[in-house]
Structure formats: structure tokens, C-alpha cells
């Protein structure tokens, strides 16, 4: 479930997990990117 979410977010933003970062930090970073997208676009995140 979490892996699917990460994959969808990576596809949406066109990014891949760096090897130097652990999965929890990466999930937090993707969440931050999602929140920034919502702030910028003023609508619910589509994924």
C-alpha cells in the first residue's frame, strides 16, 4: 500500500528515490512536495 503510493507520487513528480536517503525520509519528502503542490494549485492533490 505505501509502496504503491510512493510509486504513484514518484511518477507524478517525475522523480526517483536517491540511494543516499532512507525510505522514511523519502516518504516525508514526497509528502512535502505534495503539500507544496496543493498550496500552489489551490486544489486537492490528484493522486
N, C-alpha and C. Protein backbone atom coordinates (compact mmCIF):
# COMPACT_ATOMS: atom_id res chain seq x y z
N UNK A 1 0.83 -1.19 0.00
CA UNK A 1 0.00 0.00 0.00
C UNK A 1 0.88 1.26 0.00
N UNK A 2 1.82 1.33 0.92
CA UNK A 2 2.70 2.50 0.97
C UNK A 2 3.59 2.53 -0.26
N UNK A 3 4.06 1.35 -0.68
CA UNK A 3 4.91 1.27 -1.87
C UNK A 3 4.19 1.75 -3.11
N UNK A 4 2.89 1.44 -3.20
CA UNK A 4 2.10 1.89 -4.35
C UNK A 4 1.97 3.41 -4.33
N UNK A 5 1.76 3.96 -3.15
CA UNK A 5 1.62 5.42 -3.00
C UNK A 5 2.92 6.11 -3.42
N UNK A 6 4.04 5.58 -2.94
CA UNK A 6 5.34 6.16 -3.30
C UNK A 6 5.54 6.09 -4.81
N UNK A 7 5.21 4.96 -5.41
CA UNK A 7 5.38 4.81 -6.86
C UNK A 7 4.52 5.82 -7.63
N UNK A 8 3.28 6.02 -7.19
CA UNK A 8 2.40 6.98 -7.86
C UNK A 8 2.94 8.40 -7.73
N UNK A 9 3.42 8.75 -6.53
CA UNK A 9 3.97 10.10 -6.33
C UNK A 9 5.23 10.31 -7.16
N UNK A 10 6.12 9.30 -7.19
CA UNK A 10 7.33 9.41 -7.99
C UNK A 10 6.98 9.60 -9.47
N UNK A 11 5.98 8.87 -9.94
CA UNK A 11 5.57 9.00 -11.34
C UNK A 11 4.99 10.39 -11.60
N UNK A 12 4.15 10.87 -10.69
CA UNK A 12 3.52 12.18 -10.86
C UNK A 12 4.57 13.29 -10.92
N UNK A 13 5.53 13.26 -9.99
CA UNK A 13 6.54 14.31 -9.92
C UNK A 13 7.74 14.05 -10.84
N UNK A 14 7.84 12.86 -11.40
CA UNK A 14 8.95 12.53 -12.29
C UNK A 14 10.27 12.44 -11.56
N UNK A 15 10.25 11.86 -10.35
CA UNK A 15 11.46 11.72 -9.54
C UNK A 15 11.65 10.26 -9.14
N UNK A 16 12.87 9.94 -8.71
CA UNK A 16 13.19 8.61 -8.20
C UNK A 16 13.88 8.77 -6.85
N UNK A 17 13.76 7.75 -6.00
CA UNK A 17 14.37 7.79 -4.67
C UNK A 17 15.89 7.73 -4.79
N UNK A 18 16.57 8.73 -4.21
CA UNK A 18 18.04 8.68 -4.18
C UNK A 18 18.51 7.54 -3.28
N UNK A 19 19.62 6.91 -3.62
CA UNK A 19 20.14 5.80 -2.81
C UNK A 19 20.61 6.27 -1.44
N UNK A 20 20.96 7.53 -1.32
CA UNK A 20 21.52 8.05 -0.08
C UNK A 20 20.47 8.38 0.97
N UNK A 21 19.20 8.25 0.66
CA UNK A 21 18.14 8.63 1.59
C UNK A 21 17.34 7.37 1.96
N UNK A 22 16.96 7.27 3.25
CA UNK A 22 16.20 6.10 3.66
C UNK A 22 14.73 6.26 3.28
N UNK A 23 13.99 5.15 3.20
CA UNK A 23 12.60 5.20 2.73
C UNK A 23 11.67 6.12 3.52
N UNK A 24 11.87 6.21 4.83
CA UNK A 24 11.01 7.07 5.65
C UNK A 24 11.25 8.54 5.30
N UNK A 25 12.50 8.93 5.17
CA UNK A 25 12.82 10.31 4.80
C UNK A 25 12.27 10.62 3.40
N UNK A 26 12.35 9.65 2.50
CA UNK A 26 11.86 9.85 1.14
C UNK A 26 10.35 10.05 1.15
N UNK A 27 9.63 9.26 1.95
CA UNK A 27 8.19 9.41 2.06
C UNK A 27 7.83 10.79 2.61
N UNK A 28 8.59 11.27 3.60
CA UNK A 28 8.37 12.62 4.14
C UNK A 28 8.61 13.68 3.08
N UNK A 29 9.66 13.51 2.28
CA UNK A 29 9.97 14.47 1.22
C UNK A 29 8.86 14.51 0.17
N UNK A 30 8.35 13.32 -0.20
CA UNK A 30 7.25 13.27 -1.16
C UNK A 30 6.00 13.94 -0.60
N UNK A 31 5.76 13.76 0.70
CA UNK A 31 4.61 14.39 1.35
C UNK A 31 4.75 15.92 1.29
N UNK A 32 5.97 16.41 1.56
CA UNK A 32 6.22 17.86 1.48
C UNK A 32 5.96 18.37 0.06
N UNK A 33 6.41 17.62 -0.94
CA UNK A 33 6.19 18.01 -2.33
C UNK A 33 4.69 18.05 -2.64
N UNK A 34 3.96 17.08 -2.09
CA UNK A 34 2.50 17.03 -2.29
C UNK A 34 1.83 18.25 -1.67
N UNK A 35 2.23 18.62 -0.46
CA UNK A 35 1.65 19.77 0.23
C UNK A 35 1.96 21.07 -0.52
N UNK A 36 3.20 21.20 -1.02
CA UNK A 36 3.58 22.38 -1.79
C UNK A 36 2.74 22.48 -3.07
N UNK A 37 2.51 21.33 -3.72
CA UNK A 37 1.70 21.32 -4.93
C UNK A 37 0.29 21.80 -4.62
N UNK A 38 -0.30 21.31 -3.51
CA UNK A 38 -1.65 21.73 -3.12
C UNK A 38 -1.71 23.22 -2.82
N UNK A 39 -0.69 23.74 -2.13
CA UNK A 39 -0.65 25.18 -1.83
C UNK A 39 -0.57 26.00 -3.12
N UNK A 40 0.27 25.57 -4.03
CA UNK A 40 0.48 26.30 -5.28
C UNK A 40 -0.76 26.25 -6.17
N UNK A 41 -1.41 25.10 -6.26
CA UNK A 41 -2.53 24.92 -7.19
C UNK A 41 -3.90 25.12 -6.56
N UNK A 42 -3.95 25.27 -5.25
CA UNK A 42 -5.20 25.52 -4.53
C UNK A 42 -6.30 24.51 -4.84
N UNK A 43 -5.91 23.23 -4.91
CA UNK A 43 -6.89 22.16 -5.05
C UNK A 43 -6.31 20.87 -4.47
N UNK A 44 -7.18 19.88 -4.29
CA UNK A 44 -6.76 18.61 -3.71
C UNK A 44 -5.81 17.88 -4.64
N UNK A 45 -4.81 17.25 -4.07
CA UNK A 45 -3.82 16.52 -4.85
C UNK A 45 -4.51 15.38 -5.61
N UNK A 46 -4.24 15.23 -6.90
CA UNK A 46 -4.97 14.27 -7.74
C UNK A 46 -4.61 12.80 -7.56
N UNK A 47 -3.53 12.48 -6.90
CA UNK A 47 -3.11 11.07 -6.79
C UNK A 47 -3.61 10.50 -5.49
